[in-house]
Amino acid sequence: MENNASIQIGLDWWCCHNSLMTGVTSLAQFFQLAASAGCQGVGLDYFALPKAMRADPSPLLKIRRKYDMQVVFGFGVPLSSPEVAWQMITDDWERALLIAQQLGASVFTLHGGMSLALPGIPPIGLSLGRRRENKAIARRLQEIAPQIIDVGLQPALLNNGRMDADRLQELEADLAGIELKVGFNSGWAVMQGHDPYREAARLAPMAAYVMLRDVPKNNRGAAISPGEGEIELIEIMRLFARSEYQGLFSLEFALPPWKHRREQTMATAGLTRLQQLAQRLEKEIAS
């Protein structure tokens, strides 16, 4: 069912975050899962790696060479975190940037605001003030974005942590000389109370990474497979395709920890559905 056309399907690590972080699923199995579903790439985060692999990423680089897929890499510490917190993870930040470069990643994703995500409910923003948080994020981006760009990567700020289109566009005014790109997640848009199509249309020209998450009508935080919820994912894909987006459309969902053994099965079914949508969209584009 591989899609060889320009609509590129990926698998985001958050689909398997419980089993990856507990060691039930290895990164080799994660890459194999994506490859067997015909994916063109994967989305990873530094904190998805076992501690030993963060210190010595050579096993990960070997896996990457075997499967030869695109990699979007990220660093999951909110940019609005207090300065003391950033000082504590300086070594991790430097290692993350080096690993992303060694993997041949093209996009480096970043988290902006802080929020509390619990299974079954919308994310709870932990901001002490929108403008104050925006300023903190902008200061951090001014500091680290040049480092990311200098090693050939595109920084992209994710639309989580209450970072909707309005706030992402507000940030542009505080980023002198830095082109702001975004990572868009359709499910996060809905869970934050927004129209996902309007958010997608506004952010499509700025997109460097797209995650496709469906959400149910009766419980906006629950994990479901694509096509079972309220979001017309193919319409999200259309909006980005019309803006000439060339990156990955990655499957993303979040099962609670006690359902971690369902993650691989659900990912396989979800990727099958996304490949079908990709083929349908390619036919539309070609006609």
Foldseek 3Di string as FASTA:
>chain_A
DADPDLAFAEAECQLQQLCLLVVVADVLNVLVLGVVLNGQEYEEELNSDDPVCLVPVVVVLVSLVVNVHAYEYEYEDALLDDPVVCVVCVVSVVSSLVVCLSSVHAEYEHEHFDWDADAQAQTGAPDPDLVVSLLSNLVSCLVCVVVNVVSNHHYAYECANVNFLVSQVVSVVSNPPHQYAHEYEQLNQVSSPHDSLVRLLSRLLRYDHYEYAAAAPVTSRHGDAPPPHDDPVLSSVVSNVVSVHRDYHYYHTHHPSVCSVCSSVRRSVNSNVVSVSVVVVVVVVVD
